[in-house]
Structure formats: C-alpha cells, structure tokens
Amino acid sequence: MSVDFIREIVEDDLRAGRVATVITRFPPEPNGYLHIGHAKSICLNFGIARDYGGRCHLRMDDTNPAKEEQEFVEAIKEDVRWLGFDWGEHSYHAADYFDRLYDWAEKLVREGKAFVDDQSADEVRRTRGSLTTPGTPSPFRDRSPEENLDLFGACEWGSSLTARARCARRSTWARPTSTCAIR
C-alpha cells in the first residue's frame, strides 16, 4: 500500500525514534458550522492518530469569545463523531491556556526574542514582504527588552489572545493597536 507524504514523515519519525507516540490535533474555531475542508482535516488528523495507534486532541481554538457559541462547540463534536472519530478524554480549549501563553510571551520579550510592534496593520502589510521580496524590519524591533516589557505590561489583556498577541495599550488618546511580534 502506498502512503501519502504525511504518513511517510510519520513513519520516518517513528522508525528513527524521534517520536514514540503519534499525537495529532484538530483545532476548530467554534464560530460556525464545519465545512468540507474541516471534514478533510478531521479525517487526516484523527485518521493518522488511529492508523499509528496514537491519539488526536480536539482543541477548540476559542481565542475570540465574542464570535463563539456553545451551539457550535456541540455541532463540531457531533460532526467529528458522525465521521467516525472520538477524542476520548482529550478535549481542550485554547482559552484554558491564556495565562500560560501570556507567561511565555512575557518570557520571550524579557529575553529579547519578541517585541511590541506599534505598526498599523497597513504598515505591517506593506513591510512584511512576499514569497519573492524580502520584508523590511519593523522600526520598533530594536527597543530594549525593558522598554518592551513596560509596553507589553501596559497592554489591556481581555479574554482574547491571538497568535501575535494583539493588544491595545491603555491610553487616554487614540493609539494604534500594538502587536507582540516574535523576532
């Protein structure tokens, strides 16, 4: 039987001893009903875990509580089961890890490996580059860890945390949204 490139990688990692147990995850956002692309991801992630005697974690990517509803959480679980899979005891929510994520981000800032970037979304788009053109560094990249820690600590952290840790600094006047960027 021929296998796809993902299973080839899994088999190579198992054979080489880089991993002992296959653990995958399906991380839907509970802000709507699933579509065919989600079904493909469910079958891939749960299927690989099943095929190699591992497990698949169902982790709700509930990082935007304003858009998420329990109705969608339940619908996602129902759809996963309908496709023939089960996560067992491995059902998680990203929101459960906000404190840990914040601590990790703060550690990266303290170590000088991340910085608070005050560029607007348009400026980031303009300077990030493309597949063929290199981007240009943020003008805020060289702030000291101490200054970045002060700025990072001044962020208003609600119950939402995105991949780039977006935050709006407390201020009596309008400021652009700041972003914590990894160096």
N, C-alpha and C. Protein backbone atom coordinates (compact mmCIF):
# COMPACT_ATOMS: atom_id res chain seq x y z
N MET A 1 0.85 -1.19 0.00
CA MET A 1 0.00 0.00 0.00
C MET A 1 0.89 1.24 0.00
N SER A 2 0.61 2.18 -0.90
CA SER A 2 1.40 3.40 -0.91
C SER A 2 0.80 4.37 0.11
N VAL A 3 1.64 5.18 0.68
CA VAL A 3 1.19 6.15 1.67
C VAL A 3 1.46 7.55 1.16
N ASP A 4 0.72 8.51 1.71
CA ASP A 4 0.93 9.89 1.31
C ASP A 4 2.16 10.46 2.02
N PHE A 5 2.57 11.65 1.63
CA PHE A 5 3.80 12.22 2.15
C PHE A 5 3.72 12.48 3.66
N ILE A 6 2.54 12.76 4.18
CA ILE A 6 2.43 13.00 5.62
C ILE A 6 2.69 11.71 6.39
N ARG A 7 2.09 10.62 5.92
CA ARG A 7 2.32 9.33 6.59
C ARG A 7 3.77 8.87 6.42
N GLU A 8 4.39 9.22 5.29
CA GLU A 8 5.82 8.90 5.12
C GLU A 8 6.65 9.60 6.20
N ILE A 9 6.33 10.86 6.48
CA ILE A 9 7.04 11.61 7.51
C ILE A 9 6.80 10.97 8.88
N VAL A 10 5.55 10.62 9.17
CA VAL A 10 5.22 9.98 10.45
C VAL A 10 5.99 8.68 10.58
N GLU A 11 5.99 7.86 9.53
CA GLU A 11 6.69 6.58 9.59
C GLU A 11 8.19 6.77 9.76
N ASP A 12 8.77 7.75 9.06
CA ASP A 12 10.20 8.05 9.23
C ASP A 12 10.51 8.46 10.66
N ASP A 13 9.67 9.31 11.24
CA ASP A 13 9.88 9.77 12.62
C ASP A 13 9.76 8.61 13.61
N LEU A 14 8.79 7.73 13.40
CA LEU A 14 8.64 6.57 14.28
C LEU A 14 9.84 5.63 14.15
N ARG A 15 10.22 5.35 12.92
CA ARG A 15 11.35 4.46 12.66
C ARG A 15 12.65 4.99 13.26
N ALA A 16 12.86 6.30 13.15
CA ALA A 16 14.09 6.92 13.65
C ALA A 16 14.05 7.17 15.16
N GLY A 17 12.91 6.92 15.77
CA GLY A 17 12.80 7.13 17.22
C GLY A 17 12.66 8.58 17.62
N ARG A 18 12.34 9.47 16.67
CA ARG A 18 12.16 10.89 17.01
C ARG A 18 10.88 11.09 17.82
N VAL A 19 9.92 10.21 17.62
CA VAL A 19 8.69 10.21 18.41
C VAL A 19 8.36 8.77 18.77
N ALA A 20 7.71 8.61 19.92
CA ALA A 20 7.30 7.27 20.34
C ALA A 20 5.80 7.09 20.16
N THR A 21 5.07 8.20 20.28
CA THR A 21 3.62 8.17 20.17
C THR A 21 3.16 9.25 19.21
N VAL A 22 2.24 8.89 18.34
CA VAL A 22 1.70 9.87 17.40
C VAL A 22 0.54 10.60 18.08
N ILE A 23 0.70 11.93 18.19
CA ILE A 23 -0.36 12.77 18.76
C ILE A 23 -0.64 13.88 17.76
N THR A 24 -1.87 13.93 17.30
CA THR A 24 -2.29 14.98 16.36
C THR A 24 -3.35 15.82 17.05
N ARG A 25 -3.81 16.85 16.36
CA ARG A 25 -4.87 17.68 16.93
C ARG A 25 -5.73 18.26 15.82
N PHE A 26 -6.99 18.45 16.16
CA PHE A 26 -7.93 19.14 15.28
C PHE A 26 -8.38 20.38 16.04
N PRO A 27 -7.99 21.60 15.57
CA PRO A 27 -8.27 22.83 16.32
C PRO A 27 -9.31 23.76 15.67
N PRO A 28 -10.57 23.39 15.64
CA PRO A 28 -11.56 24.26 15.00
C PRO A 28 -11.87 25.49 15.85
N GLU A 29 -12.29 26.55 15.18
CA GLU A 29 -12.81 27.73 15.87
C GLU A 29 -14.31 27.52 16.00
N PRO A 30 -14.85 27.56 17.21
CA PRO A 30 -16.30 27.34 17.38
C PRO A 30 -17.12 28.58 17.09
N ASN A 31 -16.96 29.13 15.88
CA ASN A 31 -17.68 30.34 15.50
C ASN A 31 -18.60 30.10 14.30
N GLY A 32 -18.83 28.83 14.00
CA GLY A 32 -19.71 28.49 12.89
C GLY A 32 -19.72 26.98 12.68
N TYR A 33 -20.50 26.55 11.71
CA TYR A 33 -20.58 25.12 11.42
C TYR A 33 -19.41 24.70 10.53
N LEU A 34 -19.04 23.44 10.62
CA LEU A 34 -17.92 22.95 9.84
C LEU A 34 -18.27 22.81 8.37
N HIS A 35 -17.26 22.86 7.50
CA HIS A 35 -17.44 22.69 6.06
C HIS A 35 -16.56 21.53 5.59
N ILE A 36 -16.52 21.29 4.30
CA ILE A 36 -15.83 20.13 3.74
C ILE A 36 -14.33 20.15 4.06
N GLY A 37 -13.72 21.33 4.11
CA GLY A 37 -12.31 21.43 4.46
C GLY A 37 -12.04 20.95 5.88
N HIS A 38 -12.98 21.25 6.77
CA HIS A 38 -12.86 20.76 8.15
C HIS A 38 -12.95 19.23 8.16
N ALA A 39 -13.86 18.68 7.37
CA ALA A 39 -14.02 17.22 7.33
C ALA A 39 -12.73 16.56 6.87
N LYS A 40 -12.07 17.16 5.89
CA LYS A 40 -10.80 16.63 5.40
C LYS A 40 -9.76 16.65 6.52
N SER A 41 -9.69 17.75 7.26
CA SER A 41 -8.74 17.86 8.36
C SER A 41 -9.06 16.86 9.48
N ILE A 42 -10.33 16.69 9.78
CA ILE A 42 -10.74 15.71 10.79
C ILE A 42 -10.26 14.32 10.38
N CYS A 43 -10.55 13.94 9.15
CA CYS A 43 -10.17 12.61 8.67
C CYS A 43 -8.65 12.43 8.65
N LEU A 44 -7.94 13.46 8.27
CA LEU A 44 -6.48 13.39 8.24
C LEU A 44 -5.92 13.24 9.66
N ASN A 45 -6.27 14.16 10.54
CA ASN A 45 -5.68 14.18 11.88
C ASN A 45 -6.12 13.01 12.75
N PHE A 46 -7.42 12.73 12.78
CA PHE A 46 -7.89 11.59 13.56
C PHE A 46 -7.47 10.28 12.90
N GLY A 47 -7.45 10.26 11.55
CA GLY A 47 -7.06 9.05 10.84
C GLY A 47 -5.61 8.68 11.05
N ILE A 48 -4.73 9.63 11.01
CA ILE A 48 -3.31 9.35 11.25
C ILE A 48 -3.12 8.84 12.68
N ALA A 49 -3.77 9.49 13.64
CA ALA A 49 -3.66 9.03 15.03
C ALA A 49 -4.15 7.58 15.15
N ARG A 50 -5.27 7.28 14.54
CA ARG A 50 -5.82 5.92 14.59
C ARG A 50 -4.88 4.93 13.90
N ASP A 51 -4.39 5.27 12.72
CA ASP A 51 -3.57 4.35 11.94
C ASP A 51 -2.26 4.00 12.63
N TYR A 52 -1.76 4.90 13.47
CA TYR A 52 -0.47 4.66 14.12
C TYR A 52 -0.60 4.45 15.62
N GLY A 53 -1.80 4.10 16.07
CA GLY A 53 -2.00 3.77 17.48
C GLY A 53 -1.83 4.95 18.42
N GLY A 54 -2.05 6.16 17.92
CA GLY A 54 -1.88 7.35 18.74
C GLY A 54 -3.21 7.92 19.17
N ARG A 55 -3.23 9.22 19.35
CA ARG A 55 -4.48 9.88 19.74
C ARG A 55 -4.54 11.26 19.07
N CYS A 56 -5.76 11.74 18.95
CA CYS A 56 -5.98 13.07 18.37
C CYS A 56 -6.70 13.92 19.40
N HIS A 57 -6.17 15.09 19.65
CA HIS A 57 -6.78 16.03 20.59
C HIS A 57 -7.76 16.93 19.84
N LEU A 58 -8.92 17.09 20.42
CA LEU A 58 -9.89 18.06 19.92
C LEU A 58 -9.68 19.31 20.75
N ARG A 59 -9.12 20.36 20.12
CA ARG A 59 -8.81 21.58 20.86
C ARG A 59 -9.54 22.76 20.23
N MET A 60 -10.57 23.22 20.92
CA MET A 60 -11.33 24.36 20.41
C MET A 60 -10.44 25.59 20.45
N ASP A 61 -10.30 26.25 19.30
CA ASP A 61 -9.49 27.46 19.21
C ASP A 61 -10.39 28.65 19.55
N ASP A 62 -10.75 28.71 20.82
CA ASP A 62 -11.72 29.71 21.29
C ASP A 62 -11.02 30.98 21.75
N THR A 63 -10.26 31.58 20.84
CA THR A 63 -9.49 32.77 21.18
C THR A 63 -10.26 34.06 20.91
N ASN A 64 -11.47 33.95 20.40
CA ASN A 64 -12.28 35.13 20.15
C ASN A 64 -13.69 34.89 20.70
N PRO A 65 -13.84 34.99 22.02
CA PRO A 65 -15.11 34.65 22.66
C PRO A 65 -16.31 35.42 22.13
N ALA A 66 -16.10 36.59 21.55
CA ALA A 66 -17.22 37.38 21.03
C ALA A 66 -17.91 36.67 19.87
N LYS A 67 -17.20 35.79 19.16
CA LYS A 67 -17.77 35.13 17.99
C LYS A 67 -18.14 33.66 18.23
N GLU A 68 -17.81 33.13 19.41
CA GLU A 68 -18.01 31.71 19.64
C GLU A 68 -19.29 31.43 20.43
N GLU A 69 -19.88 30.29 20.14
CA GLU A 69 -21.10 29.90 20.84
C GLU A 69 -21.05 28.42 21.16
N GLN A 70 -21.67 28.03 22.27
CA GLN A 70 -21.72 26.63 22.69
C GLN A 70 -22.41 25.77 21.63
N GLU A 71 -23.36 26.35 20.93
CA GLU A 71 -24.05 25.63 19.85
C GLU A 71 -23.04 25.09 18.83
N PHE A 72 -22.04 25.89 18.49
CA PHE A 72 -21.04 25.47 17.51
C PHE A 72 -20.10 24.43 18.09
N VAL A 73 -19.75 24.56 19.37
CA VAL A 73 -18.92 23.55 20.03
C VAL A 73 -19.59 22.19 19.95
N GLU A 74 -20.87 22.15 20.29
CA GLU A 74 -21.61 20.88 20.27
C GLU A 74 -21.76 20.36 18.84
N ALA A 75 -22.00 21.24 17.88
CA ALA A 75 -22.12 20.82 16.48
C ALA A 75 -20.81 20.23 15.98
N ILE A 76 -19.68 20.82 16.36
CA ILE A 76 -18.37 20.30 15.95
C ILE A 76 -18.16 18.91 16.52
N LYS A 77 -18.46 18.73 17.79
CA LYS A 77 -18.29 17.42 18.42
C LYS A 77 -19.18 16.38 17.73
N GLU A 78 -20.40 16.77 17.42
CA GLU A 78 -21.33 15.86 16.73
C GLU A 78 -20.78 15.48 15.35
N ASP A 79 -20.24 16.44 14.62
CA ASP A 79 -19.70 16.17 13.29
C ASP A 79 -18.49 15.24 13.34
N VAL A 80 -17.61 15.44 14.32
CA VAL A 80 -16.44 14.56 14.47
C VAL A 80 -16.91 13.13 14.72
N ARG A 81 -17.88 12.98 15.61
CA ARG A 81 -18.42 11.63 15.88
C ARG A 81 -19.09 11.04 14.65
N TRP A 82 -19.83 11.87 13.90
CA TRP A 82 -20.53 11.40 12.71
C TRP A 82 -19.54 10.85 11.69
N LEU A 83 -18.33 11.45 11.64
CA LEU A 83 -17.30 10.97 10.73
C LEU A 83 -16.58 9.72 11.27
N GLY A 84 -16.98 9.28 12.46
CA GLY A 84 -16.45 8.02 13.00
C GLY A 84 -15.27 8.15 13.93
N PHE A 85 -15.04 9.34 14.46
CA PHE A 85 -13.88 9.55 15.33
C PHE A 85 -14.29 10.00 16.72
N ASP A 86 -13.38 9.81 17.67
CA ASP A 86 -13.62 10.22 19.05
C ASP A 86 -12.30 10.67 19.64
N TRP A 87 -12.33 11.71 20.41
CA TRP A 87 -11.15 12.28 21.04
C TRP A 87 -10.93 11.73 22.46
N GLY A 88 -11.85 10.91 22.94
CA GLY A 88 -11.71 10.35 24.28
C GLY A 88 -11.69 11.45 25.33
N GLU A 89 -10.70 11.40 26.19
CA GLU A 89 -10.58 12.40 27.26
C GLU A 89 -9.80 13.64 26.82
N HIS A 90 -9.46 13.72 25.55
CA HIS A 90 -8.58 14.78 25.06
C HIS A 90 -9.34 15.90 24.35
N SER A 91 -10.25 16.54 25.07
CA SER A 91 -10.97 17.70 24.57
C SER A 91 -10.47 18.91 25.36
N TYR A 92 -9.98 19.93 24.62
CA TYR A 92 -9.37 21.09 25.26
C TYR A 92 -9.89 22.37 24.64
N HIS A 93 -9.61 23.48 25.32
CA HIS A 93 -9.96 24.81 24.83
C HIS A 93 -8.72 25.69 24.93
N ALA A 94 -8.38 26.40 23.87
CA ALA A 94 -7.21 27.28 23.89
C ALA A 94 -7.30 28.30 25.01
N ALA A 95 -8.51 28.75 25.32
CA ALA A 95 -8.69 29.75 26.38
C ALA A 95 -8.19 29.23 27.73
N ASP A 96 -8.14 27.92 27.89
CA ASP A 96 -7.63 27.35 29.14
C ASP A 96 -6.15 27.66 29.35
N TYR A 97 -5.46 28.05 28.28
CA TYR A 97 -4.02 28.25 28.32
C TYR A 97 -3.60 29.72 28.24
N PHE A 98 -4.54 30.65 28.32
CA PHE A 98 -4.20 32.06 28.16
C PHE A 98 -3.12 32.51 29.14
N ASP A 99 -3.24 32.12 30.40
CA ASP A 99 -2.23 32.54 31.38
C ASP A 99 -0.85 32.01 31.01
N ARG A 100 -0.79 30.76 30.59
CA ARG A 100 0.49 30.17 30.20
C ARG A 100 1.04 30.85 28.94
N LEU A 101 0.17 31.13 27.97
CA LEU A 101 0.60 31.81 26.75
C LEU A 101 1.13 33.21 27.07
N TYR A 102 0.46 33.90 27.97
CA TYR A 102 0.91 35.23 28.37
C TYR A 102 2.30 35.13 29.01
N ASP A 103 2.48 34.16 29.91
CA ASP A 103 3.78 33.99 30.57
C ASP A 103 4.88 33.69 29.56
N TRP A 104 4.59 32.84 28.57
CA TRP A 104 5.59 32.54 27.54
C TRP A 104 5.93 33.77 26.73
N ALA A 105 4.90 34.55 26.36
CA ALA A 105 5.15 35.77 25.59
C ALA A 105 6.00 36.75 26.40
N GLU A 106 5.68 36.90 27.67
CA GLU A 106 6.45 37.79 28.53
C GLU A 106 7.91 37.32 28.64
N LYS A 107 8.11 36.02 28.72
CA LYS A 107 9.47 35.45 28.79
C LYS A 107 10.24 35.78 27.50
N LEU A 108 9.58 35.63 26.34
CA LEU A 108 10.24 35.95 25.07
C LEU A 108 10.61 37.43 25.00
N VAL A 109 9.73 38.29 25.49
CA VAL A 109 10.03 39.73 25.50
C VAL A 109 11.22 39.99 26.42
N ARG A 110 11.19 39.41 27.62
CA ARG A 110 12.27 39.60 28.60
C ARG A 110 13.62 39.15 28.04
N GLU A 111 13.61 38.05 27.26
CA GLU A 111 14.85 37.52 26.67
C GLU A 111 15.26 38.23 25.38
N GLY A 112 14.47 39.22 24.97
CA GLY A 112 14.80 39.95 23.75
C GLY A 112 14.46 39.20 22.48
N LYS A 113 13.63 38.17 22.59
CA LYS A 113 13.25 37.36 21.42
C LYS A 113 11.90 37.77 20.83
N ALA A 114 11.24 38.75 21.45
CA ALA A 114 9.97 39.27 20.95
C ALA A 114 9.92 40.75 21.30
N PHE A 115 9.08 41.49 20.60
CA PHE A 115 8.99 42.93 20.84
C PHE A 115 7.57 43.41 20.58
N VAL A 116 7.24 44.54 21.15
CA VAL A 116 5.94 45.17 20.91
C VAL A 116 6.07 46.02 19.66
N ASP A 117 5.25 45.74 18.68
CA ASP A 117 5.32 46.42 17.38
C ASP A 117 4.14 47.36 17.25
N ASP A 118 4.41 48.65 17.15
CA ASP A 118 3.35 49.66 17.06
C ASP A 118 2.93 50.00 15.64
N GLN A 119 3.36 49.22 14.66
CA GLN A 119 2.95 49.48 13.29
C GLN A 119 1.46 49.20 13.13
N SER A 120 0.82 49.94 12.26
CA SER A 120 -0.57 49.67 11.93
C SER A 120 -0.64 48.41 11.06
N ALA A 121 -1.82 47.87 10.91
CA ALA A 121 -2.00 46.69 10.06
C ALA A 121 -1.54 46.99 8.63
N ASP A 122 -1.83 48.20 8.14
CA ASP A 122 -1.40 48.57 6.78
C ASP A 122 0.12 48.62 6.68
N GLU A 123 0.77 49.16 7.71
CA GLU A 123 2.24 49.22 7.70
C GLU A 123 2.85 47.83 7.72
N VAL A 124 2.28 46.95 8.52
CA VAL A 124 2.78 45.57 8.58
C VAL A 124 2.62 44.92 7.21
N ARG A 125 1.47 45.09 6.59
CA ARG A 125 1.22 44.52 5.25
C ARG A 125 2.24 45.04 4.24
N ARG A 126 2.53 46.33 4.31
CA ARG A 126 3.46 46.95 3.37
C ARG A 126 4.90 46.47 3.57
N THR A 127 5.28 46.16 4.80
CA THR A 127 6.68 45.86 5.08
C THR A 127 6.99 44.37 5.27
N ARG A 128 5.98 43.52 5.28
CA ARG A 128 6.26 42.11 5.59
C ARG A 128 6.87 41.32 4.45
N GLY A 129 6.83 41.82 3.25
CA GLY A 129 7.42 41.11 2.13
C GLY A 129 6.48 40.09 1.52
N SER A 130 7.04 39.26 0.63
CA SER A 130 6.24 38.26 -0.06
C SER A 130 7.12 37.04 -0.32
N LEU A 131 6.62 36.12 -1.12
CA LEU A 131 7.42 34.94 -1.47
C LEU A 131 8.66 35.31 -2.27
N THR A 132 8.58 36.42 -2.99
CA THR A 132 9.70 36.80 -3.86
C THR A 132 10.46 38.04 -3.39
N THR A 133 9.89 38.80 -2.47
CA THR A 133 10.51 40.04 -2.00
C THR A 133 10.70 39.97 -0.49
N PRO A 134 11.92 40.20 -0.01
CA PRO A 134 12.12 40.19 1.44
C PRO A 134 11.41 41.36 2.11
N GLY A 135 10.97 41.15 3.33
CA GLY A 135 10.34 42.21 4.09
C GLY A 135 11.40 43.15 4.68
N THR A 136 10.92 44.22 5.28
CA THR A 136 11.83 45.14 5.97
C THR A 136 11.54 45.08 7.46
N PRO A 137 12.58 45.17 8.28
CA PRO A 137 12.38 45.07 9.73
C PRO A 137 11.50 46.20 10.27
N SER A 138 10.77 45.90 11.30
CA SER A 138 9.95 46.91 11.97
C SER A 138 10.85 47.97 12.60
N PRO A 139 10.44 49.22 12.55
CA PRO A 139 11.24 50.25 13.22
C PRO A 139 11.24 50.08 14.74
N PHE A 140 10.36 49.23 15.27
CA PHE A 140 10.26 49.02 16.72
C PHE A 140 11.03 47.78 17.17
N ARG A 141 11.67 47.11 16.26
CA ARG A 141 12.35 45.85 16.53
C ARG A 141 13.51 45.99 17.52
N ASP A 142 14.17 47.12 17.54
CA ASP A 142 15.38 47.28 18.35
C ASP A 142 15.15 47.94 19.71
N ARG A 143 13.90 48.03 20.15
CA ARG A 143 13.66 48.53 21.51
C ARG A 143 14.30 47.57 22.50
N SER A 144 14.69 48.09 23.65
CA SER A 144 15.30 47.24 24.67
C SER A 144 14.25 46.30 25.27
N PRO A 145 14.68 45.16 25.80
CA PRO A 145 13.72 44.28 26.47
C PRO A 145 12.96 45.00 27.59
N GLU A 146 13.63 45.91 28.30
CA GLU A 146 12.98 46.63 29.39
C GLU A 146 11.85 47.51 28.87
N GLU A 147 12.12 48.25 27.79
CA GLU A 147 11.07 49.09 27.21
C GLU A 147 9.92 48.25 26.69
N ASN A 148 10.25 47.13 26.02
CA ASN A 148 9.21 46.25 25.51
C ASN A 148 8.39 45.65 26.65
N LEU A 149 9.04 45.29 27.75
CA LEU A 149 8.31 44.74 28.90
C LEU A 149 7.33 45.77 29.45
N ASP A 150 7.77 47.05 29.53
CA ASP A 150 6.86 48.10 30.00
C ASP A 150 5.66 48.22 29.07
N LEU A 151 5.92 48.23 27.76
CA LEU A 151 4.84 48.35 26.78
C LEU A 151 3.92 47.12 26.82
N PHE A 152 4.54 45.96 26.92
CA PHE A 152 3.78 44.71 26.95
C PHE A 152 2.90 44.66 28.20
N GLY A 153 3.45 45.07 29.32
CA GLY A 153 2.69 45.08 30.57
C GLY A 153 1.57 46.08 30.57
N ALA A 154 1.68 47.12 29.73
CA ALA A 154 0.65 48.15 29.65
C ALA A 154 -0.50 47.75 28.73
N CYS A 155 -0.38 46.60 28.10
CA CYS A 155 -1.45 46.13 27.22
C CYS A 155 -2.67 45.76 28.04
N GLU A 156 -3.82 45.96 27.45
CA GLU A 156 -5.06 45.53 28.09
C GLU A 156 -5.36 44.13 27.59
N TRP A 157 -5.23 43.16 28.45
CA TRP A 157 -5.45 41.78 28.06
C TRP A 157 -6.84 41.37 28.50
N GLY A 158 -7.68 41.12 27.54
CA GLY A 158 -9.00 40.62 27.85
C GLY A 158 -8.97 39.10 27.81
N SER A 159 -10.08 38.52 27.43
CA SER A 159 -10.12 37.06 27.35
C SER A 159 -9.75 36.58 25.95
N SER A 160 -9.18 37.47 25.14
CA SER A 160 -8.82 37.11 23.78
C SER A 160 -7.32 37.24 23.59
N LEU A 161 -6.72 36.25 22.98
CA LEU A 161 -5.29 36.28 22.69
C LEU A 161 -5.10 35.64 21.33
N THR A 162 -4.55 36.38 20.38
CA THR A 162 -4.35 35.83 19.06
C THR A 162 -2.92 35.35 18.92
N ALA A 163 -2.61 34.75 17.79
CA ALA A 163 -1.28 34.19 17.56
C ALA A 163 -0.19 35.25 17.72
N ARG A 164 -0.49 36.48 17.39
CA ARG A 164 0.51 37.54 17.52
C ARG A 164 0.25 38.40 18.74
N ALA A 165 -0.58 37.93 19.67
CA ALA A 165 -0.85 38.60 20.94
C ALA A 165 -1.22 40.07 20.73
N ARG A 166 -2.26 40.32 19.96
CA ARG A 166 -2.68 41.69 19.72
C ARG A 166 -3.17 42.31 21.03
N CYS A 167 -2.85 43.54 21.21
CA CYS A 167 -3.33 44.22 22.41
C CYS A 167 -3.43 45.71 22.13
N ALA A 168 -4.33 46.36 22.79
CA ALA A 168 -4.47 47.81 22.68
C ALA A 168 -3.97 48.40 23.99
N ARG A 169 -2.96 49.25 23.91
CA ARG A 169 -2.40 49.83 25.13
C ARG A 169 -3.39 50.79 25.76
N ARG A 170 -3.38 50.80 27.09
CA ARG A 170 -4.20 51.76 27.82
C ARG A 170 -3.67 53.16 27.52
N SER A 171 -4.55 54.02 27.17
CA SER A 171 -4.12 55.37 26.86
C SER A 171 -5.34 56.28 26.88
N THR A 172 -5.11 57.54 27.20
CA THR A 172 -6.22 58.48 27.18
C THR A 172 -6.42 59.04 25.78
N TRP A 173 -5.53 58.73 24.86
CA TRP A 173 -5.67 59.18 23.48
C TRP A 173 -5.51 57.99 22.55
N ALA A 174 -6.00 58.14 21.36
CA ALA A 174 -6.03 57.01 20.42
C ALA A 174 -4.63 56.58 20.04
N ARG A 175 -4.36 55.30 20.13
CA ARG A 175 -3.08 54.72 19.72
C ARG A 175 -3.38 53.57 18.78
N PRO A 176 -2.49 53.28 17.87
CA PRO A 176 -2.70 52.10 17.02
C PRO A 176 -2.59 50.83 17.88
N THR A 177 -3.23 49.80 17.44
CA THR A 177 -3.13 48.53 18.13
C THR A 177 -1.69 48.04 18.08
N SER A 178 -1.18 47.61 19.22
CA SER A 178 0.18 47.09 19.28
C SER A 178 0.14 45.59 19.08
N THR A 179 1.25 45.04 18.66
CA THR A 179 1.37 43.61 18.47
C THR A 179 2.65 43.14 19.08
N CYS A 180 2.60 41.99 19.73
CA CYS A 180 3.82 41.39 20.24
C CYS A 180 4.33 40.46 19.14
N ALA A 181 5.46 40.79 18.56
CA ALA A 181 5.99 40.02 17.42
C ALA A 181 7.21 39.21 17.86
N ILE A 182 7.30 37.99 17.38
CA ILE A 182 8.46 37.14 17.67
C ILE A 182 9.57 37.53 16.71
N ARG A 183 10.78 37.68 17.22
CA ARG A 183 11.93 38.07 16.39
C ARG A 183 12.32 36.96 15.46
